Amino acid sequence: MQAHQSAAANSDEFVTEAFITLEQVSVLVHELVVAEVWADSVLPEVIAAAREIDDTTSADGNTSTVKPYLVVFHQATLANLLEILLFSQAAALSLTEEALIELADWCMRKLAWLNSAEASNHGPEVPVTSADELLAEDPWATLAKQAAKVQFDVAVISVTLLRYLSQYVTDLPVALSSRLMRVHDAPLSLVPLIHSPPWVTSAPVKTKKGKTKIKLHKYIDGSWRPLSSGDVALLSKTEIQVWLTLYNLLMEPSLRSAYAFNSSKNSVLTSLTGALTQPVLDQIPILAPFARFLHELTLSTPPAATATPPVMRNHVLSELGDQPALLAQAFVDAMIDDSPDTIAAYMSGLADTYSLDNLEDVLDPPRCVVCGDDAVNRCSRCKAEWYCGRECQVAAWKDHKPLCDLIASAVTPQ
C-alpha cells in the first residue's frame, strides 16, 4: 500500500529501496511463480474436494471460500507490487539472472493466455438483479469467477512488466534478450494484442431512460468502462504499453540482431502498419520511426543461442510432483468447519494487512452503474451501488430494489 502511494505521489520510494537493499525483489518473483502454480494445479482440486464435502454434508455446506480466495488474490498482490517496484530500473537490475528469466517466462505465459479464447470471453460482469439469484449463487462457482478475474488482472499487469524488461534489457544479462527474442518470439506474441485486444469488448448498458443498448467497453485501471464516441480512439495505458514494448524490442539494434526475421514473421509484423493510424501516432509520437521500420524489414539470421531453463518454475513443479490432489485435500481439511469467529479473524487480519485507512487513496473513483460516468451519489440503504445523479438512481431503482432489500435486511440488526 505504501509503495502504491509513493509511486502515485512520485515521492521518496523508500519501500522500493528497502526491497533492493534487502535483495527481496527476486524473492517476489519466486513467490509469484509459486502462486501461479498453486492457482493452476491446486485450486481446481481444492474446489472439487470442497464441493464434494459440501454435497455430502449439510445443504448449506461447511467450507468457506475465504482461505482459497486469499491465496488466489495473493498472485495479484505480488504482480501489482512487482509492477510498482520495477518502475525503478534499479529494482530490475537487482534481480538475479534466474529471476529475470523466470519473470520473462511468466510474462510470456500470461501473454499466451491473453491471446487465447478464454481471455477474449472476459467482459463486464452481469450484475445480480434479484435476491433469489444472489441466494442461489454457488460460492465455489463464484470463487472460480473471482479466480478468472484475478487471472485477467494479472495478465494485464504482465504487459507492463514486459515493457519494463524490454526498456531495461540492454543493461540486463544477455540471456534475457535471447529469451525474449529467440525462445519466446515476444514480438509475434504482442501483435495479436494490437489486432484483437482482449481488453476491448461490446456489452449492454442501461440508458438513463431504462433502455438497453450495446456499447464499446474498455478495461481501464482494473474495471470495464463504457466508452463515449469521443473516447473510442483514445489509447488506454495497456494499449500504449503494448506499442512501447514492440518499439523497444524491434528498434533496439542489439535485440533486432538477436531476432530471426523471415518472410513469415515479416508478414505478421508488417500487418501492424494498418494499425499505426494517425490518432495512434499523435498519442505516441515515438512510433514514427517504428512505422518507417515496418516498411523496411529485411531478413536477418542471428546465430543460435543456448536457452536457459526456467529453474524456479521447474523446481516448484518438481517439488509438487503428482501431489496437487493431496495438497488440495490438506488445504480443504484445514478450512473445514471454520467457525464464524475464525473467518472473522481471517478477515480482520486481512484488513490489518492492507491498511484500509489508506485504501481510498489507492482506489479509483466510483462510477455510475447505469452510465459509467463519475459517481457522486450512493444508495443510502445498501451502500452497494453508486450513481452520477438522481436521474440514473431513479432509472435503476426497479432492478436494484430486490437486491437492495436483501442487503439492507442482512446488515440491519434483528
Protein backbone atom coordinates (compact mmCIF):
# COMPACT_ATOMS: atom_id res chain seq x y z
CA MET A 1 0.00 0.00 0.00
CA GLN A 2 2.82 2.40 0.89
CA ALA A 3 4.63 1.56 -2.35
CA HIS A 4 1.42 2.39 -4.26
CA GLN A 5 1.10 5.77 -2.56
CA SER A 6 4.77 6.62 -3.09
CA ALA A 7 4.56 5.80 -6.79
CA ALA A 8 1.33 7.77 -7.24
CA ALA A 9 2.76 10.81 -5.48
CA ASN A 10 6.17 10.46 -7.16
CA SER A 11 7.68 10.80 -3.69
CA ASP A 12 10.59 9.11 -1.96
CA GLU A 13 10.25 5.42 -2.85
CA PHE A 14 11.74 4.04 0.35
CA VAL A 15 9.75 0.80 0.02
CA THR A 16 11.41 0.09 -3.33
CA GLU A 17 14.80 0.94 -1.88
CA ALA A 18 14.19 -1.43 1.03
CA PHE A 19 13.35 -4.33 -1.31
CA ILE A 20 16.51 -3.62 -3.32
CA THR A 21 18.76 -3.28 -0.27
CA LEU A 22 17.45 -6.48 1.31
CA GLU A 23 17.66 -8.32 -2.05
CA GLN A 24 14.00 -9.30 -1.90
CA VAL A 25 12.83 -8.43 -5.45
CA SER A 26 13.94 -11.84 -6.74
CA VAL A 27 12.09 -13.45 -3.82
CA LEU A 28 8.88 -11.79 -5.02
CA VAL A 29 9.38 -13.35 -8.46
CA HIS A 30 9.76 -16.77 -6.85
CA GLU A 31 6.60 -16.23 -4.81
CA LEU A 32 4.77 -15.15 -7.96
CA VAL A 33 5.72 -18.40 -9.70
CA VAL A 34 4.62 -20.44 -6.66
CA ALA A 35 1.27 -18.60 -6.57
CA GLU A 36 0.79 -19.27 -10.29
CA VAL A 37 1.47 -23.00 -9.90
CA TRP A 38 -0.96 -23.14 -6.95
CA ALA A 39 -3.71 -21.43 -8.96
CA ASP A 40 -3.14 -23.69 -11.98
CA SER A 41 -2.59 -27.04 -10.26
CA VAL A 42 -4.02 -26.95 -6.73
CA LEU A 43 -7.03 -24.60 -6.85
CA PRO A 44 -9.12 -26.83 -9.17
CA GLU A 45 -8.50 -29.73 -6.78
CA VAL A 46 -9.49 -27.56 -3.79
CA ILE A 47 -12.77 -26.56 -5.44
CA ALA A 48 -13.58 -30.15 -6.40
CA ALA A 49 -12.77 -31.51 -2.93
CA ALA A 50 -14.69 -28.76 -1.12
CA ARG A 51 -17.75 -29.25 -3.32
CA GLU A 52 -17.69 -32.98 -2.60
CA ILE A 53 -17.61 -32.29 1.14
CA ASP A 54 -20.46 -29.77 0.90
CA ASP A 55 -22.54 -32.18 -1.21
CA THR A 56 -22.20 -34.96 1.35
CA THR A 57 -22.93 -32.83 4.44
CA SER A 58 -25.47 -30.10 5.13
CA ALA A 59 -27.32 -28.21 2.44
CA ASP A 60 -25.58 -25.02 3.48
CA GLY A 61 -22.12 -26.60 3.25
CA ASN A 62 -19.45 -26.17 5.89
CA THR A 63 -16.45 -25.00 3.91
CA SER A 64 -15.62 -21.35 3.36
CA THR A 65 -14.14 -19.78 0.23
CA VAL A 66 -12.25 -17.15 2.24
CA LYS A 67 -8.95 -19.03 2.53
CA PRO A 68 -8.65 -20.11 -1.12
CA TYR A 69 -9.64 -16.65 -2.31
CA LEU A 70 -6.86 -15.09 -0.23
CA VAL A 71 -4.35 -17.43 -1.88
CA VAL A 72 -5.74 -16.61 -5.34
CA PHE A 73 -5.61 -12.88 -4.60
CA HIS A 74 -2.01 -13.24 -3.40
CA GLN A 75 -0.86 -13.65 -7.02
CA ALA A 76 -2.49 -10.33 -7.95
CA THR A 77 -0.89 -8.66 -4.93
CA LEU A 78 2.56 -9.93 -5.92
CA ALA A 79 2.13 -8.92 -9.57
CA ASN A 80 0.96 -5.45 -8.59
CA LEU A 81 3.85 -5.00 -6.17
CA LEU A 82 6.35 -6.02 -8.86
CA GLU A 83 4.67 -3.60 -11.26
CA ILE A 84 5.35 -0.80 -8.78
CA LEU A 85 8.89 -1.88 -7.85
CA LEU A 86 10.11 -2.49 -11.41
CA PHE A 87 9.11 1.01 -12.43
CA SER A 88 12.54 1.69 -10.92
CA GLN A 89 15.34 0.41 -13.13
CA ALA A 90 17.42 -0.21 -10.01
CA ALA A 91 14.88 -2.81 -8.90
CA ALA A 92 15.16 -4.61 -12.24
CA LEU A 93 18.95 -4.53 -12.04
CA SER A 94 18.77 -6.12 -8.57
CA LEU A 95 17.08 -9.25 -9.98
CA THR A 96 19.22 -12.34 -10.34
CA GLU A 97 19.58 -13.78 -13.84
CA GLU A 98 17.46 -16.74 -12.76
CA ALA A 99 14.69 -14.43 -11.55
CA LEU A 100 14.84 -12.37 -14.76
CA ILE A 101 14.38 -15.48 -16.89
CA GLU A 102 11.52 -16.67 -14.68
CA LEU A 103 9.80 -13.29 -14.84
CA ALA A 104 10.17 -13.18 -18.62
CA ASP A 105 8.72 -16.70 -18.89
CA TRP A 106 5.86 -15.77 -16.57
CA CYS A 107 5.05 -12.69 -18.66
CA MET A 108 5.07 -14.72 -21.86
CA ARG A 109 2.74 -17.34 -20.36
CA LYS A 110 0.33 -14.55 -19.48
CA LEU A 111 0.58 -13.09 -22.99
CA ALA A 112 -0.22 -16.51 -24.42
CA TRP A 113 -3.29 -16.62 -22.18
CA LEU A 114 -4.35 -13.11 -23.27
CA ASN A 115 -4.23 -14.37 -26.86
CA SER A 116 -6.47 -17.33 -26.00
CA ALA A 117 -10.22 -17.70 -26.44
CA GLU A 118 -10.62 -17.83 -22.65
CA ALA A 119 -9.30 -14.29 -22.26
CA SER A 120 -11.38 -12.97 -25.15
CA ASN A 121 -14.53 -14.18 -23.37
CA HIS A 122 -13.97 -11.78 -20.48
CA GLY A 123 -16.17 -8.72 -20.26
CA PRO A 124 -18.24 -6.61 -17.86
CA GLU A 125 -19.76 -8.77 -15.15
CA VAL A 126 -23.52 -9.21 -15.37
CA PRO A 127 -24.87 -7.79 -12.08
CA VAL A 128 -27.14 -9.82 -9.83
CA THR A 129 -30.63 -8.34 -10.18
CA SER A 130 -32.67 -10.29 -7.66
CA ALA A 131 -32.42 -11.56 -4.12
CA ASP A 132 -33.26 -15.12 -5.23
CA GLU A 133 -30.44 -15.04 -7.77
CA LEU A 134 -27.99 -13.87 -5.10
CA LEU A 135 -29.04 -16.57 -2.65
CA ALA A 136 -28.86 -19.25 -5.34
CA GLU A 137 -25.24 -18.48 -6.28
CA ASP A 138 -22.82 -21.36 -5.74
CA PRO A 139 -19.95 -19.96 -3.63
CA TRP A 140 -17.43 -22.23 -5.37
CA ALA A 141 -18.62 -21.13 -8.80
CA THR A 142 -18.26 -17.56 -7.54
CA LEU A 143 -14.71 -18.36 -6.41
CA ALA A 144 -13.92 -19.74 -9.88
CA LYS A 145 -15.21 -16.50 -11.42
CA GLN A 146 -13.13 -14.46 -8.97
CA ALA A 147 -10.07 -16.52 -9.86
CA ALA A 148 -10.73 -15.89 -13.56
CA LYS A 149 -10.92 -12.14 -12.92
CA VAL A 150 -7.64 -12.27 -10.99
CA GLN A 151 -6.12 -14.17 -13.91
CA PHE A 152 -7.22 -11.41 -16.28
CA ASP A 153 -5.94 -8.63 -13.98
CA VAL A 154 -2.60 -10.37 -13.55
CA ALA A 155 -2.25 -10.96 -17.29
CA VAL A 156 -2.84 -7.26 -17.97
CA ILE A 157 -0.15 -6.39 -15.41
CA SER A 158 2.24 -8.74 -17.25
CA VAL A 159 2.11 -6.41 -20.26
CA THR A 160 3.52 -3.58 -18.13
CA LEU A 161 6.18 -5.85 -16.60
CA LEU A 162 7.24 -6.98 -20.07
CA ARG A 163 7.53 -3.37 -21.16
CA TYR A 164 9.84 -2.67 -18.21
CA LEU A 165 12.03 -5.64 -19.15
CA SER A 166 12.19 -4.50 -22.77
CA GLN A 167 13.12 -0.99 -21.67
CA TYR A 168 15.97 -2.09 -19.41
CA VAL A 169 17.09 -5.09 -21.46
CA THR A 170 20.37 -3.59 -22.71
CA ASP A 171 21.52 -3.19 -19.09
CA LEU A 172 20.43 -6.68 -18.05
CA PRO A 173 22.08 -10.08 -18.69
CA VAL A 174 22.15 -11.08 -22.36
CA ALA A 175 20.21 -14.24 -21.51
CA LEU A 176 17.10 -12.07 -21.17
CA SER A 177 17.26 -10.71 -24.72
CA SER A 178 17.83 -14.22 -26.05
CA ARG A 179 14.90 -15.48 -24.02
CA LEU A 180 12.51 -12.82 -25.28
CA MET A 181 13.56 -12.73 -28.93
CA ARG A 182 14.67 -16.29 -29.74
CA VAL A 183 12.92 -18.59 -27.30
CA HIS A 184 9.56 -16.83 -26.90
CA ASP A 185 9.40 -14.66 -30.03
CA ALA A 186 7.90 -11.87 -27.94
CA PRO A 187 7.17 -9.52 -30.89
CA LEU A 188 4.86 -12.07 -32.54
CA SER A 189 3.05 -12.63 -29.23
CA LEU A 190 2.35 -8.90 -28.97
CA VAL A 191 0.94 -8.40 -32.47
CA PRO A 192 -2.42 -10.16 -31.79
CA LEU A 193 -2.93 -7.87 -28.79
CA ILE A 194 -2.97 -4.95 -31.23
CA HIS A 195 -5.37 -6.53 -33.73
CA SER A 196 -7.69 -8.33 -31.27
CA PRO A 197 -7.22 -6.76 -27.83
CA PRO A 198 -8.93 -8.77 -25.06
CA TRP A 199 -9.38 -5.56 -23.06
CA VAL A 200 -11.89 -4.19 -25.59
CA THR A 201 -15.37 -5.68 -25.91
CA SER A 202 -19.00 -4.79 -26.56
CA ALA A 203 -21.57 -5.18 -23.80
CA PRO A 204 -25.10 -3.98 -23.00
CA VAL A 205 -25.62 -0.93 -20.80
CA LYS A 206 -28.77 0.69 -19.50
CA THR A 207 -29.52 4.24 -20.55
CA LYS A 208 -30.92 6.87 -18.23
CA LYS A 209 -34.34 6.11 -19.70
CA GLY A 210 -34.08 2.48 -18.63
CA LYS A 211 -33.47 1.09 -22.10
CA THR A 212 -30.62 -1.28 -23.02
CA LYS A 213 -28.10 -0.64 -25.78
CA ILE A 214 -24.77 -2.14 -26.82
CA LYS A 215 -21.70 0.00 -26.13
CA LEU A 216 -17.99 -0.50 -26.59
CA HIS A 217 -16.20 -1.16 -23.29
CA LYS A 218 -12.51 -0.97 -22.48
CA TYR A 219 -10.69 -2.46 -19.48
CA ILE A 220 -9.06 0.52 -17.76
CA ASP A 221 -7.36 0.53 -14.35
CA GLY A 222 -8.93 -2.74 -13.26
CA SER A 223 -12.53 -2.25 -14.42
CA TRP A 224 -14.63 -2.31 -17.59
CA ARG A 225 -15.76 1.16 -18.64
CA PRO A 226 -18.24 2.07 -21.38
CA LEU A 227 -16.73 4.39 -23.98
CA SER A 228 -18.32 7.50 -25.37
CA SER A 229 -17.95 8.13 -29.10
CA GLY A 230 -15.19 10.65 -28.41
CA ASP A 231 -13.15 8.19 -26.32
CA VAL A 232 -13.03 5.27 -28.78
CA ALA A 233 -9.79 6.43 -30.41
CA LEU A 234 -8.07 7.17 -27.09
CA LEU A 235 -5.46 4.56 -26.15
CA SER A 236 -5.53 3.02 -22.68
CA LYS A 237 -2.37 2.62 -20.62
CA THR A 238 -2.25 -1.08 -21.50
CA GLU A 239 -2.54 -0.40 -25.24
CA ILE A 240 0.29 2.12 -25.00
CA GLN A 241 2.40 -0.45 -23.14
CA VAL A 242 1.97 -2.97 -25.98
CA TRP A 243 3.12 -0.45 -28.60
CA LEU A 244 6.08 0.68 -26.50
CA THR A 245 7.18 -2.91 -25.90
CA LEU A 246 7.11 -3.62 -29.63
CA TYR A 247 9.11 -0.45 -30.19
CA ASN A 248 11.69 -1.40 -27.55
CA LEU A 249 12.11 -4.95 -28.85
CA LEU A 250 12.40 -4.14 -32.55
CA MET A 251 14.11 -0.74 -32.60
CA GLU A 252 16.99 -1.61 -30.26
CA PRO A 253 19.87 -2.75 -32.56
CA SER A 254 21.15 -5.45 -30.20
CA LEU A 255 17.70 -7.00 -29.90
CA ARG A 256 16.97 -6.73 -33.58
CA SER A 257 20.19 -8.59 -34.36
CA ALA A 258 19.08 -11.37 -31.99
CA TYR A 259 15.79 -11.83 -33.83
CA ALA A 260 15.42 -14.37 -36.63
CA PHE A 261 13.48 -12.40 -39.22
CA ASN A 262 11.93 -14.41 -42.05
CA SER A 263 9.17 -13.92 -44.59
CA SER A 264 6.50 -15.38 -42.30
CA LYS A 265 7.44 -13.16 -39.35
CA ASN A 266 7.79 -10.13 -41.59
CA SER A 267 4.27 -10.71 -42.87
CA VAL A 268 2.88 -10.69 -39.32
CA LEU A 269 4.91 -7.67 -38.20
CA THR A 270 4.12 -5.55 -41.26
CA SER A 271 0.41 -6.14 -40.60
CA LEU A 272 0.87 -3.56 -37.83
CA THR A 273 1.16 -0.85 -40.48
CA GLY A 274 -2.62 -0.67 -40.78
CA ALA A 275 -2.97 -0.23 -37.01
CA LEU A 276 -0.48 2.66 -36.90
CA THR A 277 -3.14 5.23 -37.67
CA GLN A 278 -2.67 8.96 -37.29
CA PRO A 279 -4.51 9.05 -33.92
CA VAL A 280 -2.10 6.38 -32.62
CA LEU A 281 0.94 8.30 -33.88
CA ASP A 282 -0.42 11.51 -32.38
CA GLN A 283 -0.70 9.84 -28.96
CA ILE A 284 2.65 8.01 -29.20
CA PRO A 285 4.91 10.18 -31.42
CA ILE A 286 7.90 7.92 -30.76
CA LEU A 287 6.30 5.33 -33.06
CA ALA A 288 7.02 7.40 -36.19
CA PRO A 289 10.44 5.74 -36.81
CA PHE A 290 8.86 2.39 -35.93
CA ALA A 291 6.34 2.90 -38.74
CA ARG A 292 9.21 3.51 -41.16
CA PHE A 293 10.99 0.41 -39.87
CA LEU A 294 7.96 -1.75 -40.65
CA HIS A 295 8.25 -0.70 -44.28
CA GLU A 296 11.95 -1.57 -44.39
CA LEU A 297 12.04 -5.03 -42.84
CA THR A 298 14.87 -7.19 -44.11
CA LEU A 299 15.83 -10.77 -43.38
CA SER A 300 18.22 -11.45 -40.55
CA THR A 301 19.63 -14.78 -39.37
CA PRO A 302 21.32 -14.40 -35.97
CA PRO A 303 23.45 -17.23 -34.55
CA ALA A 304 21.79 -19.89 -32.45
CA ALA A 305 21.54 -19.30 -28.72
CA THR A 306 21.55 -21.67 -25.77
CA ALA A 307 18.25 -21.47 -23.93
CA THR A 308 18.29 -21.01 -20.16
CA PRO A 309 15.76 -23.32 -18.46
CA PRO A 310 13.14 -21.79 -16.11
CA VAL A 311 14.77 -23.00 -12.89
CA MET A 312 12.27 -21.61 -10.37
CA ARG A 313 9.11 -22.91 -12.03
CA ASN A 314 10.67 -26.27 -12.83
CA HIS A 315 11.80 -26.60 -9.22
CA VAL A 316 8.34 -25.73 -7.87
CA LEU A 317 6.70 -28.19 -10.27
CA SER A 318 9.19 -30.93 -9.35
CA GLU A 319 8.51 -30.33 -5.65
CA LEU A 320 4.78 -30.51 -6.35
CA GLY A 321 5.15 -33.68 -8.41
CA ASP A 322 1.91 -35.65 -8.55
CA GLN A 323 0.67 -34.27 -5.25
CA PRO A 324 -1.84 -31.50 -6.24
CA ALA A 325 -4.80 -33.58 -5.07
CA LEU A 326 -3.15 -34.38 -1.70
CA LEU A 327 -2.14 -30.76 -1.19
CA ALA A 328 -5.65 -29.63 -2.09
CA GLN A 329 -7.17 -32.11 0.37
CA ALA A 330 -4.86 -30.87 3.15
CA PHE A 331 -5.87 -27.31 2.33
CA VAL A 332 -9.58 -28.21 2.42
CA ASP A 333 -9.16 -30.15 5.68
CA ALA A 334 -7.62 -27.04 7.23
CA MET A 335 -10.65 -24.91 6.39
CA ILE A 336 -13.48 -27.38 7.13
CA ASP A 337 -15.93 -26.17 9.73
CA ASP A 338 -14.27 -22.79 10.17
CA SER A 339 -16.43 -21.02 12.72
CA PRO A 340 -17.75 -17.50 12.09
CA ASP A 341 -15.25 -16.26 14.68
CA THR A 342 -12.36 -17.93 12.82
CA ILE A 343 -13.43 -16.46 9.48
CA ALA A 344 -13.88 -13.05 11.12
CA ALA A 345 -10.31 -13.33 12.45
CA TYR A 346 -9.05 -14.04 8.91
CA MET A 347 -10.86 -11.00 7.57
CA SER A 348 -9.61 -8.83 10.44
CA GLY A 349 -6.04 -9.89 9.68
CA LEU A 350 -6.59 -9.11 6.01
CA ALA A 351 -7.88 -5.66 6.92
CA ASP A 352 -4.80 -5.01 9.05
CA THR A 353 -2.51 -6.24 6.27
CA TYR A 354 -3.90 -3.91 3.65
CA SER A 355 -4.30 -0.85 5.90
CA LEU A 356 -7.83 0.13 4.97
CA ASP A 357 -7.29 3.62 6.39
CA ASN A 358 -5.24 4.35 3.28
CA LEU A 359 -7.33 2.37 0.79
CA GLU A 360 -9.29 5.37 -0.51
CA ASP A 361 -6.05 6.98 -1.72
CA VAL A 362 -5.42 3.97 -3.99
CA LEU A 363 -8.87 3.01 -5.28
CA ASP A 364 -10.26 4.51 -8.47
CA PRO A 365 -13.18 6.95 -8.01
CA PRO A 366 -16.59 5.22 -8.08
CA ARG A 367 -18.55 5.15 -11.33
CA CYS A 368 -22.27 5.18 -12.05
CA VAL A 369 -23.63 1.65 -12.54
CA VAL A 370 -26.05 2.96 -15.18
CA CYS A 371 -24.00 5.19 -17.49
CA GLY A 372 -20.40 4.75 -16.30
CA ASP A 373 -19.82 8.44 -15.51
CA ASP A 374 -18.13 9.61 -12.29
CA ALA A 375 -20.46 8.86 -9.38
CA VAL A 376 -21.39 11.26 -6.58
CA ASN A 377 -24.42 9.54 -5.01
CA ARG A 378 -24.52 6.20 -3.21
CA CYS A 379 -27.55 4.10 -2.33
CA SER A 380 -28.26 5.14 1.26
CA ARG A 381 -29.81 1.78 2.21
CA CYS A 382 -27.40 -0.91 0.99
CA LYS A 383 -24.29 1.24 0.30
CA ALA A 384 -23.54 -1.12 -2.63
CA GLU A 385 -24.24 0.92 -5.77
CA TRP A 386 -23.16 4.35 -6.98
CA TYR A 387 -24.85 6.82 -9.34
CA CYS A 388 -23.89 10.01 -11.16
CA GLY A 389 -27.13 11.70 -10.12
CA ARG A 390 -30.77 11.25 -9.18
CA GLU A 391 -31.88 10.56 -12.77
CA CYS A 392 -29.75 7.40 -13.05
CA GLN A 393 -30.62 6.35 -9.50
CA VAL A 394 -34.36 6.55 -10.23
CA ALA A 395 -33.90 4.69 -13.54
CA ALA A 396 -32.06 1.85 -11.78
CA TRP A 397 -34.33 1.56 -8.74
CA LYS A 398 -36.78 -1.01 -10.17
CA ASP A 399 -33.99 -3.52 -10.88
CA HIS A 400 -31.94 -2.60 -7.82
CA LYS A 401 -34.72 -2.73 -5.20
CA PRO A 402 -34.85 -6.55 -4.61
CA LEU A 403 -31.09 -6.77 -4.10
CA CYS A 404 -31.12 -3.59 -2.00
CA ASP A 405 -33.82 -5.04 0.27
CA LEU A 406 -31.81 -8.24 0.74
CA ILE A 407 -28.55 -6.47 1.58
CA ALA A 408 -30.25 -3.93 3.84
CA SER A 409 -32.05 -6.67 5.78
CA ALA A 410 -28.79 -8.60 6.17
CA VAL A 411 -26.93 -5.69 7.75
CA THR A 412 -29.82 -4.39 9.89
CA PRO A 413 -29.76 -5.74 13.48
CA GLN A 414 -32.71 -8.04 14.15
